N, C-alpha and C. Protein backbone atom coordinates (compact mmCIF):
# COMPACT_ATOMS: atom_id res chain seq x y z
N MET A 1 15.35 22.04 -9.37
CA MET A 1 15.75 21.22 -8.25
C MET A 1 16.69 20.13 -8.76
N SER A 2 17.82 19.95 -8.09
CA SER A 2 18.78 18.94 -8.53
C SER A 2 18.27 17.55 -8.17
N SER A 3 18.88 16.54 -8.79
CA SER A 3 18.46 15.16 -8.53
C SER A 3 18.79 14.76 -7.09
N ARG A 4 19.87 15.30 -6.54
CA ARG A 4 20.23 14.99 -5.15
C ARG A 4 19.19 15.57 -4.20
N ALA A 5 18.78 16.80 -4.44
CA ALA A 5 17.76 17.42 -3.60
C ALA A 5 16.42 16.69 -3.72
N ALA A 6 16.10 16.25 -4.93
CA ALA A 6 14.86 15.49 -5.13
C ALA A 6 14.92 14.16 -4.39
N ALA A 7 16.07 13.49 -4.43
CA ALA A 7 16.21 12.22 -3.72
C ALA A 7 16.10 12.41 -2.21
N GLU A 8 16.71 13.47 -1.68
CA GLU A 8 16.61 13.74 -0.25
C GLU A 8 15.18 14.07 0.14
N ASP A 9 14.48 14.82 -0.70
CA ASP A 9 13.09 15.16 -0.43
C ASP A 9 12.21 13.91 -0.43
N ALA A 10 12.45 13.01 -1.38
CA ALA A 10 11.69 11.76 -1.46
C ALA A 10 11.95 10.90 -0.23
N SER A 11 13.21 10.80 0.16
CA SER A 11 13.56 10.01 1.34
C SER A 11 12.91 10.58 2.59
N ARG A 12 12.91 11.90 2.71
CA ARG A 12 12.31 12.56 3.88
C ARG A 12 10.81 12.33 3.93
N SER A 13 10.13 12.44 2.79
CA SER A 13 8.67 12.26 2.78
C SER A 13 8.29 10.81 3.06
N CYS A 14 9.06 9.86 2.55
CA CYS A 14 8.75 8.44 2.79
C CYS A 14 9.02 8.06 4.23
N SER A 15 10.09 8.58 4.84
CA SER A 15 10.36 8.26 6.23
C SER A 15 9.32 8.91 7.15
N LEU A 16 8.84 10.08 6.80
CA LEU A 16 7.76 10.71 7.57
C LEU A 16 6.48 9.89 7.48
N THR A 17 6.19 9.37 6.29
CA THR A 17 5.01 8.52 6.10
C THR A 17 5.14 7.24 6.92
N ALA A 18 6.32 6.63 6.91
CA ALA A 18 6.54 5.39 7.67
C ALA A 18 6.36 5.65 9.17
N LEU A 19 6.87 6.75 9.65
CA LEU A 19 6.72 7.10 11.07
C LEU A 19 5.26 7.30 11.43
N ALA A 20 4.55 8.05 10.62
CA ALA A 20 3.12 8.28 10.87
C ALA A 20 2.35 6.97 10.80
N PHE A 21 2.71 6.10 9.87
CA PHE A 21 2.03 4.81 9.72
C PHE A 21 2.18 3.98 11.00
N VAL A 22 3.40 3.88 11.50
CA VAL A 22 3.65 3.09 12.72
C VAL A 22 2.93 3.70 13.92
N LEU A 23 2.96 5.01 14.05
CA LEU A 23 2.32 5.66 15.20
C LEU A 23 0.80 5.54 15.15
N ILE A 24 0.21 5.66 13.99
CA ILE A 24 -1.25 5.64 13.88
C ILE A 24 -1.79 4.21 13.90
N ILE A 25 -1.12 3.29 13.23
CA ILE A 25 -1.58 1.90 13.19
C ILE A 25 -1.36 1.23 14.54
N GLY A 26 -0.25 1.51 15.18
CA GLY A 26 0.03 0.86 16.45
C GLY A 26 0.49 -0.57 16.23
N SER A 27 -0.18 -1.51 16.87
CA SER A 27 0.18 -2.92 16.77
C SER A 27 -0.38 -3.50 15.46
N ALA A 28 0.50 -4.07 14.66
CA ALA A 28 0.07 -4.65 13.38
C ALA A 28 -0.72 -5.94 13.57
N GLU A 29 -0.61 -6.55 14.73
CA GLU A 29 -1.33 -7.79 14.99
C GLU A 29 -2.84 -7.58 15.13
N ARG A 30 -3.28 -6.32 15.23
CA ARG A 30 -4.72 -6.04 15.30
C ARG A 30 -5.43 -6.39 14.00
N PHE A 31 -4.70 -6.43 12.91
CA PHE A 31 -5.29 -6.66 11.59
C PHE A 31 -4.86 -8.02 11.06
N GLN A 32 -5.79 -8.71 10.42
CA GLN A 32 -5.52 -10.04 9.90
C GLN A 32 -4.94 -10.00 8.48
N CYS A 33 -5.35 -9.00 7.70
CA CYS A 33 -4.94 -8.98 6.29
C CYS A 33 -4.86 -7.54 5.79
N GLY A 34 -4.41 -7.40 4.55
CA GLY A 34 -4.26 -6.09 3.94
C GLY A 34 -5.58 -5.38 3.70
N LYS A 35 -6.65 -6.15 3.46
CA LYS A 35 -7.96 -5.53 3.26
C LYS A 35 -8.41 -4.78 4.50
N GLN A 36 -8.13 -5.33 5.67
CA GLN A 36 -8.53 -4.69 6.91
C GLN A 36 -7.77 -3.39 7.14
N ILE A 37 -6.50 -3.37 6.80
CA ILE A 37 -5.71 -2.14 6.98
C ILE A 37 -6.18 -1.07 6.01
N ALA A 38 -6.50 -1.47 4.77
CA ALA A 38 -7.00 -0.51 3.79
C ALA A 38 -8.36 0.04 4.22
N SER A 39 -9.19 -0.80 4.77
CA SER A 39 -10.49 -0.36 5.26
C SER A 39 -10.33 0.58 6.45
N TYR A 40 -9.41 0.26 7.35
CA TYR A 40 -9.15 1.09 8.53
C TYR A 40 -8.70 2.49 8.12
N LEU A 41 -7.95 2.57 7.04
CA LEU A 41 -7.44 3.86 6.57
C LEU A 41 -8.41 4.57 5.62
N GLY A 42 -9.49 3.92 5.25
CA GLY A 42 -10.47 4.54 4.37
C GLY A 42 -10.06 4.55 2.92
N LEU A 43 -9.28 3.58 2.51
CA LEU A 43 -8.80 3.51 1.13
C LEU A 43 -9.54 2.46 0.32
N VAL A 44 -10.75 2.11 0.75
CA VAL A 44 -11.59 1.14 0.03
C VAL A 44 -12.82 1.87 -0.49
N PRO A 45 -13.41 1.38 -1.59
CA PRO A 45 -14.59 2.06 -2.13
C PRO A 45 -15.84 1.84 -1.29
N LEU A 46 -16.68 2.84 -1.27
CA LEU A 46 -17.98 2.76 -0.62
C LEU A 46 -18.88 1.90 -1.50
N GLU A 47 -19.63 1.01 -0.87
CA GLU A 47 -20.47 0.11 -1.65
C GLU A 47 -21.94 0.37 -1.36
N GLU A 48 -22.71 0.52 -2.42
CA GLU A 48 -24.16 0.64 -2.32
C GLU A 48 -24.75 -0.53 -3.09
N SER A 49 -25.34 -1.47 -2.37
CA SER A 49 -25.84 -2.69 -3.01
C SER A 49 -27.35 -2.80 -2.86
N SER A 50 -27.94 -3.41 -3.84
CA SER A 50 -29.35 -3.74 -3.83
C SER A 50 -29.47 -5.19 -4.29
N VAL A 51 -30.66 -5.62 -4.61
CA VAL A 51 -30.88 -7.02 -4.96
C VAL A 51 -29.99 -7.47 -6.11
N ASN A 52 -30.12 -6.87 -7.26
CA ASN A 52 -29.35 -7.27 -8.43
C ASN A 52 -28.33 -6.23 -8.85
N ARG A 53 -28.01 -5.31 -7.97
CA ARG A 53 -27.16 -4.19 -8.36
C ARG A 53 -26.09 -3.99 -7.30
N ARG A 54 -24.88 -3.76 -7.75
CA ARG A 54 -23.77 -3.46 -6.85
C ARG A 54 -23.04 -2.26 -7.43
N ARG A 55 -22.96 -1.18 -6.64
CA ARG A 55 -22.29 0.03 -7.10
C ARG A 55 -21.17 0.37 -6.14
N LEU A 56 -19.97 0.49 -6.68
CA LEU A 56 -18.82 0.91 -5.88
C LEU A 56 -18.60 2.39 -6.13
N GLY A 57 -18.57 3.18 -5.06
CA GLY A 57 -18.45 4.62 -5.19
C GLY A 57 -17.06 5.11 -4.82
N HIS A 58 -17.02 6.31 -4.27
CA HIS A 58 -15.75 6.93 -3.87
C HIS A 58 -15.20 6.23 -2.63
N ILE A 59 -13.98 6.55 -2.22
CA ILE A 59 -13.40 5.91 -1.05
C ILE A 59 -14.17 6.35 0.19
N THR A 60 -14.14 5.51 1.22
CA THR A 60 -14.94 5.77 2.42
C THR A 60 -14.40 6.91 3.27
N LYS A 61 -13.11 7.17 3.21
CA LYS A 61 -12.44 8.23 3.98
C LYS A 61 -12.59 8.04 5.49
N GLN A 62 -12.74 6.80 5.93
CA GLN A 62 -12.72 6.50 7.36
C GLN A 62 -11.26 6.50 7.79
N GLY A 63 -11.01 6.73 9.03
CA GLY A 63 -9.64 6.69 9.52
C GLY A 63 -8.96 8.05 9.46
N ASN A 64 -7.67 8.04 9.60
CA ASN A 64 -6.87 9.24 9.74
C ASN A 64 -6.62 9.91 8.39
N ALA A 65 -7.10 11.14 8.24
CA ALA A 65 -6.96 11.87 6.98
C ALA A 65 -5.50 12.24 6.69
N LEU A 66 -4.74 12.57 7.74
CA LEU A 66 -3.34 12.93 7.54
C LEU A 66 -2.54 11.75 7.00
N LEU A 67 -2.76 10.57 7.57
CA LEU A 67 -2.04 9.40 7.08
C LEU A 67 -2.45 9.06 5.64
N ARG A 68 -3.73 9.22 5.32
CA ARG A 68 -4.18 8.98 3.95
C ARG A 68 -3.48 9.94 2.99
N PHE A 69 -3.38 11.21 3.38
CA PHE A 69 -2.69 12.22 2.57
C PHE A 69 -1.22 11.84 2.39
N LEU A 70 -0.56 11.47 3.48
CA LEU A 70 0.86 11.10 3.41
C LEU A 70 1.07 9.86 2.54
N LEU A 71 0.16 8.90 2.61
CA LEU A 71 0.29 7.70 1.79
C LEU A 71 0.16 8.03 0.30
N VAL A 72 -0.76 8.92 -0.03
CA VAL A 72 -0.92 9.30 -1.45
C VAL A 72 0.35 10.02 -1.93
N GLU A 73 0.89 10.92 -1.11
CA GLU A 73 2.13 11.62 -1.49
C GLU A 73 3.30 10.65 -1.64
N ALA A 74 3.44 9.74 -0.67
CA ALA A 74 4.54 8.76 -0.73
C ALA A 74 4.36 7.81 -1.91
N ALA A 75 3.13 7.48 -2.23
CA ALA A 75 2.88 6.61 -3.39
C ALA A 75 3.30 7.31 -4.68
N GLN A 76 3.08 8.61 -4.77
CA GLN A 76 3.50 9.35 -5.96
C GLN A 76 5.02 9.36 -6.08
N VAL A 77 5.71 9.51 -4.95
CA VAL A 77 7.18 9.46 -4.96
C VAL A 77 7.65 8.07 -5.38
N THR A 78 6.98 7.04 -4.85
CA THR A 78 7.34 5.66 -5.18
C THR A 78 7.12 5.38 -6.66
N VAL A 79 6.04 5.88 -7.20
CA VAL A 79 5.75 5.70 -8.63
C VAL A 79 6.84 6.33 -9.49
N ARG A 80 7.35 7.48 -9.06
CA ARG A 80 8.40 8.14 -9.83
C ARG A 80 9.74 7.42 -9.74
N SER A 81 9.96 6.65 -8.65
CA SER A 81 11.29 6.09 -8.44
C SER A 81 11.42 4.59 -8.69
N ILE A 82 10.31 3.83 -8.69
CA ILE A 82 10.38 2.38 -8.88
C ILE A 82 9.65 2.01 -10.17
N PRO A 83 10.36 1.41 -11.13
CA PRO A 83 9.76 1.13 -12.44
C PRO A 83 8.52 0.22 -12.39
N GLU A 84 8.52 -0.80 -11.51
CA GLU A 84 7.35 -1.69 -11.43
C GLU A 84 6.11 -0.91 -11.00
N TRP A 85 6.30 -0.04 -10.02
CA TRP A 85 5.17 0.77 -9.53
C TRP A 85 4.73 1.76 -10.60
N ARG A 86 5.68 2.30 -11.37
CA ARG A 86 5.35 3.24 -12.44
C ARG A 86 4.50 2.56 -13.51
N ASN A 87 4.89 1.34 -13.89
CA ASN A 87 4.12 0.60 -14.89
C ASN A 87 2.71 0.33 -14.41
N LYS A 88 2.57 -0.10 -13.16
CA LYS A 88 1.24 -0.37 -12.60
C LYS A 88 0.40 0.91 -12.56
N TYR A 89 1.02 2.02 -12.15
CA TYR A 89 0.31 3.29 -12.07
C TYR A 89 -0.19 3.72 -13.45
N PHE A 90 0.67 3.69 -14.46
CA PHE A 90 0.26 4.13 -15.80
C PHE A 90 -0.81 3.22 -16.38
N HIS A 91 -0.71 1.94 -16.10
CA HIS A 91 -1.75 1.01 -16.56
C HIS A 91 -3.10 1.38 -15.93
N LEU A 92 -3.10 1.62 -14.63
CA LEU A 92 -4.34 2.02 -13.94
C LEU A 92 -4.83 3.39 -14.41
N ALA A 93 -3.91 4.31 -14.59
CA ALA A 93 -4.28 5.67 -15.00
C ALA A 93 -4.93 5.68 -16.38
N MET A 94 -4.46 4.84 -17.27
CA MET A 94 -5.05 4.76 -18.60
C MET A 94 -6.47 4.19 -18.54
N ARG A 95 -6.68 3.21 -17.67
CA ARG A 95 -7.99 2.56 -17.56
C ARG A 95 -8.98 3.36 -16.72
N ARG A 96 -8.53 3.91 -15.58
CA ARG A 96 -9.45 4.47 -14.60
C ARG A 96 -9.28 5.96 -14.33
N GLY A 97 -8.18 6.53 -14.76
CA GLY A 97 -7.92 7.95 -14.50
C GLY A 97 -6.84 8.12 -13.44
N ARG A 98 -6.22 9.30 -13.46
CA ARG A 98 -5.07 9.56 -12.57
C ARG A 98 -5.45 9.55 -11.09
N LYS A 99 -6.57 10.15 -10.74
CA LYS A 99 -6.94 10.26 -9.33
C LYS A 99 -7.17 8.88 -8.71
N ILE A 100 -7.91 8.03 -9.41
CA ILE A 100 -8.18 6.69 -8.90
C ILE A 100 -6.88 5.89 -8.83
N ALA A 101 -6.02 6.06 -9.82
CA ALA A 101 -4.74 5.35 -9.83
C ALA A 101 -3.87 5.77 -8.65
N LYS A 102 -3.87 7.05 -8.29
CA LYS A 102 -3.09 7.52 -7.14
C LYS A 102 -3.57 6.88 -5.85
N VAL A 103 -4.89 6.81 -5.67
CA VAL A 103 -5.44 6.21 -4.46
C VAL A 103 -5.16 4.70 -4.44
N ALA A 104 -5.24 4.06 -5.59
CA ALA A 104 -4.95 2.62 -5.67
C ALA A 104 -3.49 2.34 -5.29
N MET A 105 -2.59 3.19 -5.74
CA MET A 105 -1.18 3.01 -5.39
C MET A 105 -0.94 3.30 -3.91
N ALA A 106 -1.68 4.25 -3.35
CA ALA A 106 -1.57 4.53 -1.91
C ALA A 106 -2.05 3.32 -1.11
N ARG A 107 -3.12 2.68 -1.57
CA ARG A 107 -3.60 1.48 -0.89
C ARG A 107 -2.56 0.37 -0.97
N ARG A 108 -1.97 0.20 -2.16
CA ARG A 108 -0.95 -0.83 -2.34
C ARG A 108 0.24 -0.56 -1.42
N LEU A 109 0.64 0.69 -1.30
CA LEU A 109 1.74 1.06 -0.41
C LEU A 109 1.39 0.78 1.05
N ALA A 110 0.16 1.11 1.45
CA ALA A 110 -0.27 0.87 2.84
C ALA A 110 -0.24 -0.62 3.16
N VAL A 111 -0.72 -1.44 2.24
CA VAL A 111 -0.72 -2.89 2.47
C VAL A 111 0.70 -3.42 2.55
N GLN A 112 1.58 -2.94 1.68
CA GLN A 112 2.97 -3.38 1.72
C GLN A 112 3.65 -2.95 3.02
N MET A 113 3.39 -1.72 3.46
CA MET A 113 3.97 -1.25 4.73
C MET A 113 3.43 -2.06 5.90
N PHE A 114 2.16 -2.43 5.84
CA PHE A 114 1.56 -3.25 6.89
C PHE A 114 2.28 -4.60 7.01
N TRP A 115 2.50 -5.27 5.88
CA TRP A 115 3.16 -6.56 5.92
C TRP A 115 4.62 -6.43 6.36
N MET A 116 5.27 -5.36 5.96
CA MET A 116 6.65 -5.13 6.41
C MET A 116 6.68 -4.95 7.91
N LEU A 117 5.73 -4.20 8.45
CA LEU A 117 5.65 -3.97 9.89
C LEU A 117 5.31 -5.25 10.63
N ARG A 118 4.35 -5.98 10.11
CA ARG A 118 3.88 -7.19 10.79
C ARG A 118 4.94 -8.30 10.81
N LYS A 119 5.64 -8.48 9.71
CA LYS A 119 6.63 -9.56 9.63
C LYS A 119 8.04 -9.12 9.98
N GLY A 120 8.25 -7.81 10.17
CA GLY A 120 9.57 -7.31 10.51
C GLY A 120 10.55 -7.36 9.34
N TRP A 121 10.03 -7.23 8.12
CA TRP A 121 10.85 -7.30 6.92
C TRP A 121 11.31 -5.92 6.49
N ASP A 122 12.43 -5.89 5.74
CA ASP A 122 12.80 -4.67 5.06
C ASP A 122 12.18 -4.71 3.66
N TYR A 123 12.43 -3.67 2.87
CA TYR A 123 11.77 -3.57 1.56
C TYR A 123 12.14 -4.71 0.63
N GLU A 124 13.41 -5.10 0.61
CA GLU A 124 13.85 -6.16 -0.30
C GLU A 124 13.17 -7.49 0.01
N GLN A 125 13.01 -7.81 1.29
CA GLN A 125 12.32 -9.04 1.65
C GLN A 125 10.85 -8.97 1.26
N ALA A 126 10.21 -7.84 1.49
CA ALA A 126 8.79 -7.68 1.14
C ALA A 126 8.61 -7.78 -0.37
N LYS A 127 9.56 -7.22 -1.12
CA LYS A 127 9.48 -7.28 -2.58
C LYS A 127 9.64 -8.71 -3.08
N LYS A 128 10.53 -9.46 -2.44
CA LYS A 128 10.79 -10.83 -2.86
C LYS A 128 9.62 -11.77 -2.52
N PHE A 129 9.13 -11.69 -1.29
CA PHE A 129 8.14 -12.65 -0.83
C PHE A 129 6.70 -12.19 -1.03
N GLY A 130 6.46 -10.89 -0.98
CA GLY A 130 5.10 -10.39 -1.10
C GLY A 130 4.29 -10.70 0.14
N SER A 131 3.00 -10.43 0.10
CA SER A 131 2.15 -10.62 1.28
C SER A 131 1.61 -12.04 1.36
N HIS A 132 1.90 -12.88 0.35
CA HIS A 132 1.34 -14.23 0.34
C HIS A 132 2.38 -15.28 0.70
N ALA A 133 3.50 -14.88 1.29
CA ALA A 133 4.53 -15.85 1.64
C ALA A 133 4.01 -16.82 2.69
N GLY A 134 4.27 -18.09 2.46
CA GLY A 134 3.87 -19.12 3.41
C GLY A 134 2.46 -19.65 3.19
N GLN A 135 1.72 -19.10 2.24
CA GLN A 135 0.38 -19.59 1.96
C GLN A 135 0.44 -20.64 0.86
N PRO A 136 -0.56 -21.52 0.79
CA PRO A 136 -0.55 -22.55 -0.25
C PRO A 136 -0.45 -21.92 -1.64
N GLY A 137 0.34 -22.54 -2.48
CA GLY A 137 0.51 -22.04 -3.84
C GLY A 137 1.67 -21.10 -4.00
N ASN A 138 2.25 -20.62 -2.91
CA ASN A 138 3.42 -19.73 -2.99
C ASN A 138 4.55 -20.38 -2.23
N ARG A 139 5.56 -20.84 -2.93
CA ARG A 139 6.65 -21.59 -2.30
C ARG A 139 7.79 -20.69 -1.86
N ASP A 140 7.75 -19.39 -2.15
CA ASP A 140 8.82 -18.50 -1.71
C ASP A 140 8.74 -18.33 -0.20
N GLY A 141 9.87 -18.44 0.46
CA GLY A 141 9.93 -18.19 1.89
C GLY A 141 9.50 -19.37 2.73
N VAL A 142 9.17 -20.50 2.10
CA VAL A 142 8.72 -21.67 2.83
C VAL A 142 9.81 -22.73 2.74
N GLN A 143 10.26 -23.20 3.88
CA GLN A 143 11.31 -24.22 3.86
C GLN A 143 10.70 -25.58 3.56
N GLN A 144 11.37 -26.32 2.73
CA GLN A 144 10.92 -27.67 2.38
C GLN A 144 11.36 -28.65 3.47
N ASN A 145 10.51 -29.60 3.77
CA ASN A 145 10.84 -30.65 4.71
C ASN A 145 11.65 -31.70 3.96
N THR A 146 12.95 -31.84 4.27
CA THR A 146 13.82 -32.73 3.53
C THR A 146 14.09 -34.03 4.28
N GLU A 147 13.37 -34.29 5.33
CA GLU A 147 13.60 -35.52 6.10
C GLU A 147 13.00 -36.71 5.45
């Protein structure tokens, strides 16, 4: 497969994922934070807790299975094409294994897509400001009062 064909395939899969994300999530204002969107999609670990014991298991798999599948596929494409994501993936894969790292990157992608949808940002703005823009301790994206 040529690099041009691979790039077109990656673009097609990511745009399909974005379309499915918008259609399935609906209004982004329903969710307050990235944790809620990850939970809605079933990309959070199942927790079994007792008095002095806390065990995190496999992902809950609540929510839409097709969107979860598309997010994992798009996350793999993103890992191959963006160096920062590749570094994070390999770091996680060395510590936790490839399967867990793929799901973690899918969750990260879902949260980033959620904030892009909610704030109306493109990728460059989301990359610059992140999901914590405007919160205490993060001065990016916050205008200073110069009066």
